[in-house]
Amino acid sequence: MKKHTLIAAAIAVAGLSSNAMADDHMEKVNPWKQCGIGAMIFDDNGTAAAISNIIWDLGTTALSTKISSEESCNGKRTKVAMFIQDNFDVVLEQTSAGQGEHLNAMLEILEVADADKAAVLTTVRGSVTADAQPEAYYNTLVAAI
């Protein structure tokens, strides 16, 4: 009985916290949905991630991940960072050309609207140099969105 009450309280807190965070700023990270073990298992399903995090360890891993490395909590940004790292030479070459399959894939991962893709690429092209590193490229890309 005590365990069920604790789980119910944790779910209630998670729900209230996510609403409070949504009111503060739309881009803030919801640790129960976007961090921890749940987010690794259920990357595209925030509800399942939150439930998993709460069941696994009452969300402590999710919260500690948010506190220690918030940038690793957002699934699509993590995916695009790994994509840039793994394909950096091609991404850099295609950025120089202004088009390419890897650029399209990168922008699709980030769910950039078709109408905004050209402007994002123009901004990235204007800011990235030939000797750029993957992390700098990623930071420029995210800032351009």
Protein backbone atom coordinates (compact mmCIF):
# COMPACT_ATOMS: atom_id res chain seq x y z
CA MET A 1 0.00 0.00 0.00
CA LYS A 2 2.81 2.37 0.92
CA LYS A 3 4.52 1.70 -2.44
CA HIS A 4 1.30 2.48 -4.38
CA THR A 5 0.84 5.74 -2.49
CA LEU A 6 4.43 6.72 -3.20
CA ILE A 7 4.05 5.93 -6.91
CA ALA A 8 0.80 7.89 -7.11
CA ALA A 9 2.46 10.86 -5.43
CA ALA A 10 5.40 10.68 -7.82
CA ILE A 11 3.07 10.64 -10.83
CA ALA A 12 1.16 13.62 -9.46
CA VAL A 13 4.38 15.55 -8.89
CA ALA A 14 5.57 14.67 -12.40
CA GLY A 15 2.33 15.93 -13.88
CA LEU A 16 2.40 19.17 -11.92
CA SER A 17 6.08 19.74 -12.65
CA SER A 18 5.65 19.20 -16.37
CA ASN A 19 2.79 21.73 -16.43
CA ALA A 20 4.84 24.26 -14.49
CA MET A 21 7.79 23.77 -16.79
CA ALA A 22 5.61 24.12 -19.89
CA ASP A 23 4.34 27.45 -18.59
CA ASP A 24 7.87 28.75 -17.98
CA HIS A 25 9.23 28.09 -21.44
CA MET A 26 8.31 25.69 -24.21
CA GLU A 27 11.91 24.58 -24.83
CA LYS A 28 12.68 23.62 -21.22
CA VAL A 29 13.38 19.98 -20.60
CA ASN A 30 10.85 17.81 -18.80
CA PRO A 31 13.15 15.39 -16.97
CA TRP A 32 10.55 12.65 -16.58
CA LYS A 33 9.76 12.60 -20.31
CA GLN A 34 13.10 13.55 -21.89
CA CYS A 35 15.79 12.26 -19.53
CA GLY A 36 16.87 9.11 -17.77
CA ILE A 37 16.29 5.48 -18.57
CA GLY A 38 12.72 6.04 -19.74
CA ALA A 39 13.78 8.51 -22.44
CA MET A 40 16.46 6.11 -23.68
CA ILE A 41 13.93 3.30 -24.01
CA PHE A 42 10.92 5.35 -25.18
CA ASP A 43 12.54 8.21 -27.09
CA ASP A 44 9.41 9.15 -29.07
CA ASN A 45 6.83 8.53 -26.35
CA GLY A 46 7.08 10.99 -23.47
CA THR A 47 4.27 9.42 -21.48
CA ALA A 48 5.83 5.97 -21.61
CA ALA A 49 9.22 7.48 -20.75
CA ALA A 50 7.76 9.26 -17.71
CA ILE A 51 5.98 6.13 -16.47
CA SER A 52 9.13 4.06 -17.00
CA ASN A 53 11.29 6.57 -15.12
CA ILE A 54 8.89 6.64 -12.19
CA ILE A 55 8.54 2.86 -12.03
CA TRP A 56 12.28 2.27 -12.41
CA ASP A 57 13.58 4.53 -9.65
CA LEU A 58 10.90 7.14 -8.92
CA GLY A 59 12.54 9.43 -11.47
CA THR A 60 15.81 10.00 -9.62
CA THR A 61 17.94 8.99 -12.62
CA ALA A 62 15.92 11.30 -14.86
CA LEU A 63 16.30 14.21 -12.46
CA SER A 64 20.01 13.66 -11.95
CA THR A 65 20.51 13.48 -15.73
CA LYS A 66 18.70 16.79 -16.15
CA ILE A 67 20.81 18.40 -13.46
CA SER A 68 24.17 17.01 -14.58
CA SER A 69 23.77 17.03 -18.37
CA GLU A 70 20.55 18.63 -19.55
CA GLU A 71 21.80 18.75 -23.15
CA SER A 72 21.63 14.95 -23.30
CA CYS A 73 17.96 14.86 -22.39
CA ASN A 74 16.30 15.93 -25.61
CA GLY A 75 16.05 12.91 -27.91
CA LYS A 76 16.02 14.54 -31.34
CA ARG A 77 18.88 16.90 -30.47
CA THR A 78 20.93 13.99 -29.20
CA LYS A 79 20.21 12.08 -32.40
CA VAL A 80 21.24 14.99 -34.61
CA ALA A 81 24.42 15.56 -32.58
CA MET A 82 25.36 11.90 -33.08
CA PHE A 83 24.43 12.17 -36.78
CA ILE A 84 26.67 15.22 -37.22
CA GLN A 85 29.52 13.52 -35.37
CA ASP A 86 29.24 10.33 -37.41
CA ASN A 87 28.90 12.07 -40.78
CA PHE A 88 30.74 15.32 -40.19
CA ASP A 89 32.88 15.41 -43.34
CA VAL A 90 29.87 14.86 -45.59
CA VAL A 91 27.70 17.29 -43.59
CA LEU A 92 30.38 19.97 -43.82
CA GLU A 93 30.83 19.38 -47.56
CA GLN A 94 27.08 19.52 -48.19
CA THR A 95 26.76 22.64 -46.04
CA SER A 96 29.36 24.26 -48.26
CA ALA A 97 27.33 23.27 -51.33
CA GLY A 98 24.07 24.36 -49.69
CA GLN A 99 22.23 21.09 -50.25
CA GLY A 100 22.43 17.35 -49.85
CA GLU A 101 20.83 14.23 -48.46
CA HIS A 102 22.66 14.45 -45.14
CA LEU A 103 21.50 18.03 -44.61
CA ASN A 104 17.93 17.03 -45.38
CA ALA A 105 18.17 14.09 -42.96
CA MET A 106 19.65 16.31 -40.26
CA LEU A 107 16.85 18.88 -40.61
CA GLU A 108 14.22 16.12 -40.69
CA ILE A 109 15.53 14.69 -37.43
CA LEU A 110 15.13 18.14 -35.88
CA GLU A 111 11.66 18.46 -37.42
CA VAL A 112 12.48 21.78 -39.12
CA ALA A 113 9.55 22.92 -41.26
CA ASP A 114 10.18 22.83 -45.01
CA ALA A 115 9.56 26.58 -45.20
CA ASP A 116 12.35 27.21 -42.66
CA LYS A 117 15.03 24.85 -43.98
CA ALA A 118 16.62 27.29 -46.45
CA ALA A 119 16.92 30.03 -43.82
CA VAL A 120 18.44 27.62 -41.28
CA LEU A 121 21.00 26.38 -43.81
CA THR A 122 21.83 29.94 -44.87
CA THR A 123 22.51 30.88 -41.25
CA VAL A 124 24.63 27.77 -40.67
CA ARG A 125 26.57 28.33 -43.92
CA GLY A 126 27.33 31.91 -42.88
CA SER A 127 28.59 30.88 -39.45
CA VAL A 128 30.51 27.64 -40.00
CA THR A 129 34.08 27.67 -41.27
CA ALA A 130 35.99 24.93 -43.07
CA ASP A 131 37.96 24.14 -39.90
CA ALA A 132 34.84 23.84 -37.71
CA GLN A 133 34.46 20.97 -35.30
CA PRO A 134 31.27 18.88 -34.98
CA GLU A 135 30.29 20.45 -31.65
CA ALA A 136 30.60 23.98 -33.02
CA TYR A 137 28.56 22.98 -36.06
CA TYR A 138 25.86 21.46 -33.84
CA ASN A 139 25.71 24.57 -31.62
CA THR A 140 25.39 26.80 -34.70
CA LEU A 141 22.64 24.61 -36.12
CA VAL A 142 20.62 24.55 -32.90
CA ALA A 143 20.98 28.33 -32.52
CA ALA A 144 19.71 28.80 -36.08
CA ILE A 145 16.48 26.90 -35.48
